[in-house]
Amino acid sequence: MQKVFEAFLILMSIFTIFNAEESFITTLEYGKMLYNNPRGIGCVECHGRFGEGQQIANYIHKRKGKTLQGSRINNLGFERFESALQKGKNIMPKYYLTPSEIEAIYKYLESAKNTPIMEE
């Protein structure tokens, strides 16, 4: 039984070494997944499908019609994008994303700017 277990560990080690660079999903796929639902509510709900910004809600304040607008984020540099996600601002919540998650979302938005829009 010990020999079988050792053989299994050796095979798993070899498999891990040769597949170390492969991932189940790409960084862009992961970024898109996070953008659509990072922690229960997606960036897409306020910032639009590709980070272009969109209207969130209309409301009345002091008898005046107001619009709550999600800002455009697909034009930000990485540092500003990262800062907004780490700190939150105004109605923007802090999401507690890891650095690799933030980078994946940013890369997804960057790639979406250079891709023709297709319906899913």
N, C-alpha and C. Protein backbone atom coordinates (compact mmCIF):
# COMPACT_ATOMS: atom_id res chain seq x y z
N MET A 1 0.83 -1.20 0.00
CA MET A 1 0.00 0.00 0.00
C MET A 1 0.87 1.27 0.00
N GLN A 2 1.96 1.22 0.76
CA GLN A 2 2.88 2.35 0.82
C GLN A 2 3.45 2.66 -0.57
N LYS A 3 3.81 1.64 -1.33
CA LYS A 3 4.37 1.82 -2.67
C LYS A 3 3.35 2.47 -3.61
N VAL A 4 2.09 2.08 -3.48
CA VAL A 4 1.02 2.65 -4.31
C VAL A 4 0.89 4.14 -3.99
N PHE A 5 0.91 4.45 -2.71
CA PHE A 5 0.79 5.85 -2.29
C PHE A 5 1.98 6.67 -2.80
N GLU A 6 3.18 6.14 -2.71
CA GLU A 6 4.37 6.84 -3.20
C GLU A 6 4.29 7.04 -4.72
N ALA A 7 3.84 6.03 -5.44
CA ALA A 7 3.69 6.14 -6.89
C ALA A 7 2.67 7.23 -7.22
N PHE A 8 1.59 7.27 -6.47
CA PHE A 8 0.56 8.28 -6.67
C PHE A 8 1.14 9.69 -6.46
N LEU A 9 1.92 9.87 -5.39
CA LEU A 9 2.52 11.17 -5.12
C LEU A 9 3.49 11.58 -6.23
N ILE A 10 4.26 10.65 -6.73
CA ILE A 10 5.19 10.94 -7.82
C ILE A 10 4.44 11.36 -9.08
N LEU A 11 3.39 10.63 -9.41
CA LEU A 11 2.59 10.97 -10.58
C LEU A 11 1.94 12.34 -10.44
N MET A 12 1.42 12.63 -9.26
CA MET A 12 0.79 13.93 -9.02
C MET A 12 1.82 15.05 -9.12
N SER A 13 3.03 14.83 -8.63
CA SER A 13 4.08 15.83 -8.71
C SER A 13 4.45 16.11 -10.16
N ILE A 14 4.60 15.05 -10.94
CA ILE A 14 4.93 15.20 -12.36
C ILE A 14 3.81 15.95 -13.08
N PHE A 15 2.57 15.58 -12.81
CA PHE A 15 1.43 16.24 -13.42
C PHE A 15 1.42 17.73 -13.05
N THR A 16 1.69 18.05 -11.79
CA THR A 16 1.69 19.43 -11.34
C THR A 16 2.80 20.23 -12.02
N ILE A 17 3.98 19.64 -12.13
CA ILE A 17 5.10 20.34 -12.76
C ILE A 17 4.79 20.67 -14.22
N PHE A 18 4.27 19.70 -14.96
CA PHE A 18 4.02 19.92 -16.38
C PHE A 18 2.80 20.79 -16.64
N ASN A 19 1.90 20.91 -15.69
CA ASN A 19 0.70 21.71 -15.87
C ASN A 19 0.71 22.98 -15.03
N ALA A 20 1.84 23.37 -14.52
CA ALA A 20 1.93 24.53 -13.64
C ALA A 20 1.49 25.81 -14.33
N GLU A 21 1.72 25.93 -15.63
CA GLU A 21 1.38 27.15 -16.35
C GLU A 21 -0.06 27.16 -16.85
N GLU A 22 -0.72 26.04 -16.82
CA GLU A 22 -2.09 25.97 -17.31
C GLU A 22 -3.07 26.31 -16.20
N SER A 23 -4.18 26.88 -16.57
CA SER A 23 -5.22 27.23 -15.63
C SER A 23 -6.55 26.80 -16.20
N PHE A 24 -7.50 26.62 -15.32
CA PHE A 24 -8.84 26.20 -15.74
C PHE A 24 -9.49 27.27 -16.61
N ILE A 25 -9.30 28.55 -16.24
CA ILE A 25 -9.81 29.67 -17.04
C ILE A 25 -8.70 30.69 -17.24
N THR A 26 -8.83 31.49 -18.26
CA THR A 26 -7.83 32.52 -18.53
C THR A 26 -8.03 33.71 -17.59
N THR A 27 -7.04 34.57 -17.54
CA THR A 27 -7.14 35.79 -16.72
C THR A 27 -8.30 36.65 -17.19
N LEU A 28 -8.51 36.74 -18.50
CA LEU A 28 -9.62 37.55 -19.02
C LEU A 28 -10.97 36.96 -18.66
N GLU A 29 -11.08 35.64 -18.72
CA GLU A 29 -12.34 34.99 -18.32
C GLU A 29 -12.60 35.21 -16.84
N TYR A 30 -11.56 35.10 -16.04
CA TYR A 30 -11.67 35.33 -14.60
C TYR A 30 -12.06 36.77 -14.32
N GLY A 31 -11.42 37.71 -15.03
CA GLY A 31 -11.75 39.12 -14.87
C GLY A 31 -13.19 39.42 -15.23
N LYS A 32 -13.67 38.82 -16.31
CA LYS A 32 -15.07 39.01 -16.71
C LYS A 32 -16.01 38.45 -15.66
N MET A 33 -15.69 37.28 -15.14
CA MET A 33 -16.51 36.66 -14.11
C MET A 33 -16.57 37.55 -12.87
N LEU A 34 -15.42 38.06 -12.45
CA LEU A 34 -15.39 38.95 -11.29
C LEU A 34 -16.13 40.25 -11.56
N TYR A 35 -15.96 40.81 -12.75
CA TYR A 35 -16.63 42.06 -13.11
C TYR A 35 -18.15 41.91 -13.02
N ASN A 36 -18.63 40.77 -13.43
CA ASN A 36 -20.07 40.54 -13.42
C ASN A 36 -20.62 40.18 -12.05
N ASN A 37 -19.78 39.70 -11.13
CA ASN A 37 -20.27 39.35 -9.81
C ASN A 37 -19.12 39.10 -8.84
N PRO A 38 -18.41 40.15 -8.38
CA PRO A 38 -17.27 39.90 -7.50
C PRO A 38 -17.64 39.48 -6.09
N ARG A 39 -18.60 40.10 -5.51
CA ARG A 39 -18.98 39.79 -4.12
C ARG A 39 -20.48 39.99 -3.90
N GLY A 40 -21.26 39.40 -4.78
CA GLY A 40 -22.71 39.48 -4.61
C GLY A 40 -23.39 40.50 -5.51
N ILE A 41 -22.71 41.58 -5.84
CA ILE A 41 -23.24 42.55 -6.80
C ILE A 41 -22.11 42.89 -7.76
N GLY A 42 -22.40 42.83 -9.01
CA GLY A 42 -21.35 43.02 -10.01
C GLY A 42 -21.08 44.47 -10.34
N CYS A 43 -19.86 44.72 -10.79
CA CYS A 43 -19.46 46.05 -11.28
C CYS A 43 -20.39 46.47 -12.41
N VAL A 44 -20.83 45.48 -13.18
CA VAL A 44 -21.67 45.70 -14.35
C VAL A 44 -22.97 46.43 -13.99
N GLU A 45 -23.45 46.25 -12.78
CA GLU A 45 -24.72 46.86 -12.37
C GLU A 45 -24.66 48.39 -12.37
N CYS A 46 -23.50 48.95 -12.07
CA CYS A 46 -23.36 50.40 -12.01
C CYS A 46 -22.49 50.97 -13.13
N HIS A 47 -21.51 50.21 -13.56
CA HIS A 47 -20.53 50.73 -14.52
C HIS A 47 -20.77 50.26 -15.94
N GLY A 48 -21.81 49.50 -16.18
CA GLY A 48 -22.14 49.05 -17.52
C GLY A 48 -21.37 47.80 -17.92
N ARG A 49 -21.79 47.25 -19.03
CA ARG A 49 -21.26 45.96 -19.49
C ARG A 49 -19.76 45.97 -19.74
N PHE A 50 -19.23 47.10 -20.21
CA PHE A 50 -17.81 47.19 -20.52
C PHE A 50 -17.12 48.35 -19.80
N GLY A 51 -17.71 48.80 -18.68
CA GLY A 51 -17.10 49.89 -17.92
C GLY A 51 -17.38 51.27 -18.45
N GLU A 52 -18.37 51.39 -19.33
CA GLU A 52 -18.68 52.67 -19.95
C GLU A 52 -19.50 53.59 -19.05
N GLY A 53 -19.98 53.10 -17.92
CA GLY A 53 -20.84 53.88 -17.02
C GLY A 53 -22.29 53.78 -17.46
N GLN A 54 -23.19 53.88 -16.51
CA GLN A 54 -24.60 53.82 -16.86
C GLN A 54 -25.45 54.39 -15.74
N GLN A 55 -26.68 54.68 -16.08
CA GLN A 55 -27.63 55.20 -15.11
C GLN A 55 -28.02 54.08 -14.15
N ILE A 56 -27.97 54.39 -12.86
CA ILE A 56 -28.33 53.40 -11.84
C ILE A 56 -29.78 53.58 -11.41
N ALA A 57 -30.16 54.84 -11.14
CA ALA A 57 -31.52 55.09 -10.66
C ALA A 57 -31.89 56.56 -10.84
N ASN A 58 -33.18 56.80 -10.90
CA ASN A 58 -33.74 58.15 -10.84
C ASN A 58 -34.47 58.27 -9.52
N TYR A 59 -34.39 59.45 -8.91
CA TYR A 59 -35.07 59.65 -7.63
C TYR A 59 -35.40 61.13 -7.46
N ILE A 60 -36.21 61.43 -6.46
CA ILE A 60 -36.61 62.81 -6.15
C ILE A 60 -35.92 63.20 -4.84
N HIS A 61 -35.26 64.36 -4.87
CA HIS A 61 -34.61 64.89 -3.67
C HIS A 61 -34.96 66.37 -3.58
N LYS A 62 -35.60 66.74 -2.47
CA LYS A 62 -36.04 68.12 -2.27
C LYS A 62 -36.85 68.62 -3.46
N ARG A 63 -37.76 67.77 -3.90
CA ARG A 63 -38.70 68.05 -4.99
C ARG A 63 -38.05 68.23 -6.36
N LYS A 64 -36.83 67.79 -6.47
CA LYS A 64 -36.14 67.87 -7.76
C LYS A 64 -35.75 66.47 -8.21
N GLY A 65 -35.95 66.22 -9.51
CA GLY A 65 -35.54 64.94 -10.07
C GLY A 65 -34.02 64.82 -10.13
N LYS A 66 -33.51 63.72 -9.69
CA LYS A 66 -32.07 63.47 -9.69
C LYS A 66 -31.79 62.13 -10.37
N THR A 67 -30.59 61.98 -10.87
CA THR A 67 -30.16 60.73 -11.48
C THR A 67 -28.89 60.28 -10.80
N LEU A 68 -28.86 59.04 -10.41
CA LEU A 68 -27.65 58.43 -9.86
C LEU A 68 -26.96 57.71 -11.01
N GLN A 69 -25.73 58.13 -11.29
CA GLN A 69 -25.00 57.63 -12.46
C GLN A 69 -23.76 56.88 -12.02
N GLY A 70 -23.58 55.69 -12.56
CA GLY A 70 -22.34 54.94 -12.36
C GLY A 70 -21.28 55.50 -13.28
N SER A 71 -20.11 55.75 -12.77
CA SER A 71 -19.08 56.41 -13.57
C SER A 71 -18.44 55.47 -14.58
N ARG A 72 -17.87 56.08 -15.59
CA ARG A 72 -17.09 55.34 -16.58
C ARG A 72 -15.78 54.91 -15.92
N ILE A 73 -15.40 53.65 -16.08
CA ILE A 73 -14.16 53.17 -15.47
C ILE A 73 -13.21 52.53 -16.48
N ASN A 74 -13.63 52.41 -17.72
CA ASN A 74 -12.78 51.76 -18.72
C ASN A 74 -11.73 52.72 -19.31
N ASN A 75 -11.66 53.92 -18.75
CA ASN A 75 -10.67 54.90 -19.21
C ASN A 75 -9.66 55.24 -18.12
N LEU A 76 -9.69 54.51 -17.00
CA LEU A 76 -8.80 54.79 -15.88
C LEU A 76 -7.46 54.08 -16.04
N GLY A 77 -6.42 54.69 -15.52
CA GLY A 77 -5.14 54.01 -15.41
C GLY A 77 -5.23 52.98 -14.29
N PHE A 78 -4.33 52.03 -14.30
CA PHE A 78 -4.41 50.95 -13.32
C PHE A 78 -4.34 51.45 -11.88
N GLU A 79 -3.48 52.40 -11.58
CA GLU A 79 -3.32 52.87 -10.20
C GLU A 79 -4.63 53.48 -9.67
N ARG A 80 -5.25 54.29 -10.48
CA ARG A 80 -6.52 54.92 -10.06
C ARG A 80 -7.63 53.87 -9.91
N PHE A 81 -7.67 52.93 -10.85
CA PHE A 81 -8.64 51.84 -10.81
C PHE A 81 -8.46 51.03 -9.52
N GLU A 82 -7.23 50.66 -9.24
CA GLU A 82 -6.91 49.87 -8.05
C GLU A 82 -7.28 50.62 -6.77
N SER A 83 -6.97 51.90 -6.72
CA SER A 83 -7.27 52.72 -5.56
C SER A 83 -8.78 52.79 -5.29
N ALA A 84 -9.56 52.97 -6.34
CA ALA A 84 -11.01 53.05 -6.19
C ALA A 84 -11.57 51.74 -5.63
N LEU A 85 -11.03 50.63 -6.07
CA LEU A 85 -11.52 49.34 -5.58
C LEU A 85 -11.08 49.06 -4.14
N GLN A 86 -9.93 49.54 -3.77
CA GLN A 86 -9.42 49.28 -2.43
C GLN A 86 -10.01 50.20 -1.38
N LYS A 87 -10.36 51.42 -1.79
CA LYS A 87 -10.84 52.40 -0.82
C LYS A 87 -12.34 52.60 -0.85
N GLY A 88 -12.95 52.46 -2.01
CA GLY A 88 -14.35 52.82 -2.14
C GLY A 88 -14.46 54.34 -2.11
N LYS A 89 -15.56 54.86 -2.62
CA LYS A 89 -15.74 56.31 -2.67
C LYS A 89 -17.22 56.59 -2.89
N ASN A 90 -17.75 57.56 -2.16
CA ASN A 90 -19.16 57.94 -2.26
C ASN A 90 -20.02 56.68 -2.10
N ILE A 91 -20.73 56.29 -3.14
CA ILE A 91 -21.58 55.09 -3.04
C ILE A 91 -20.85 53.82 -3.46
N MET A 92 -19.62 53.97 -3.93
CA MET A 92 -18.84 52.82 -4.36
C MET A 92 -18.38 52.05 -3.12
N PRO A 93 -18.81 50.79 -2.99
CA PRO A 93 -18.38 50.02 -1.82
C PRO A 93 -16.94 49.54 -1.96
N LYS A 94 -16.35 49.17 -0.85
CA LYS A 94 -15.04 48.54 -0.86
C LYS A 94 -15.28 47.04 -1.00
N TYR A 95 -14.65 46.42 -1.97
CA TYR A 95 -14.93 45.01 -2.27
C TYR A 95 -13.97 44.01 -1.65
N TYR A 96 -12.85 44.43 -1.14
CA TYR A 96 -11.85 43.53 -0.55
C TYR A 96 -11.37 42.49 -1.56
N LEU A 97 -11.05 42.97 -2.74
CA LEU A 97 -10.51 42.09 -3.78
C LEU A 97 -9.01 41.94 -3.59
N THR A 98 -8.49 40.81 -4.00
CA THR A 98 -7.05 40.59 -3.94
C THR A 98 -6.38 41.34 -5.09
N PRO A 99 -5.08 41.58 -4.99
CA PRO A 99 -4.38 42.24 -6.11
C PRO A 99 -4.56 41.49 -7.44
N SER A 100 -4.54 40.18 -7.42
CA SER A 100 -4.70 39.43 -8.68
C SER A 100 -6.13 39.56 -9.22
N GLU A 101 -7.12 39.68 -8.34
CA GLU A 101 -8.50 39.88 -8.80
C GLU A 101 -8.66 41.26 -9.43
N ILE A 102 -8.07 42.27 -8.81
CA ILE A 102 -8.13 43.63 -9.36
C ILE A 102 -7.46 43.67 -10.72
N GLU A 103 -6.31 43.05 -10.83
CA GLU A 103 -5.59 43.02 -12.10
C GLU A 103 -6.39 42.28 -13.18
N ALA A 104 -7.06 41.20 -12.81
CA ALA A 104 -7.87 40.44 -13.77
C ALA A 104 -9.04 41.28 -14.29
N ILE A 105 -9.70 41.99 -13.40
CA ILE A 105 -10.82 42.85 -13.82
C ILE A 105 -10.31 43.96 -14.74
N TYR A 106 -9.20 44.57 -14.36
CA TYR A 106 -8.62 45.65 -15.18
C TYR A 106 -8.27 45.13 -16.57
N LYS A 107 -7.64 43.98 -16.64
CA LYS A 107 -7.26 43.41 -17.93
C LYS A 107 -8.49 43.07 -18.77
N TYR A 108 -9.56 42.61 -18.11
CA TYR A 108 -10.80 42.33 -18.84
C TYR A 108 -11.35 43.62 -19.46
N LEU A 109 -11.39 44.70 -18.67
CA LEU A 109 -11.91 45.97 -19.19
C LEU A 109 -11.03 46.50 -20.32
N GLU A 110 -9.73 46.37 -20.18
CA GLU A 110 -8.81 46.81 -21.23
C GLU A 110 -9.05 46.01 -22.51
N SER A 111 -9.23 44.72 -22.39
CA SER A 111 -9.45 43.88 -23.57
C SER A 111 -10.80 44.16 -24.21
N ALA A 112 -11.79 44.50 -23.38
CA ALA A 112 -13.13 44.78 -23.90
C ALA A 112 -13.15 46.05 -24.75
N LYS A 113 -12.24 46.99 -24.46
CA LYS A 113 -12.17 48.23 -25.24
C LYS A 113 -11.73 47.95 -26.68
N ASN A 114 -10.98 46.88 -26.85
CA ASN A 114 -10.40 46.57 -28.16
C ASN A 114 -11.13 45.43 -28.87
N THR A 115 -12.30 45.05 -28.36
CA THR A 115 -13.04 43.94 -28.92
C THR A 115 -14.39 44.44 -29.45
N PRO A 116 -14.79 44.04 -30.64
CA PRO A 116 -16.12 44.42 -31.13
C PRO A 116 -17.19 43.89 -30.19
N ILE A 117 -18.22 44.68 -29.95
CA ILE A 117 -19.30 44.27 -29.05
C ILE A 117 -20.14 43.21 -29.71
N MET A 118 -20.31 42.11 -29.00
CA MET A 118 -21.15 41.01 -29.46
C MET A 118 -22.18 40.68 -28.40
N GLU A 119 -23.35 40.34 -28.81
CA GLU A 119 -24.39 39.93 -27.87
C GLU A 119 -24.06 38.54 -27.37
N GLU A 120 -24.31 38.33 -26.07
CA GLU A 120 -24.07 37.00 -25.50
C GLU A 120 -25.36 36.27 -25.32
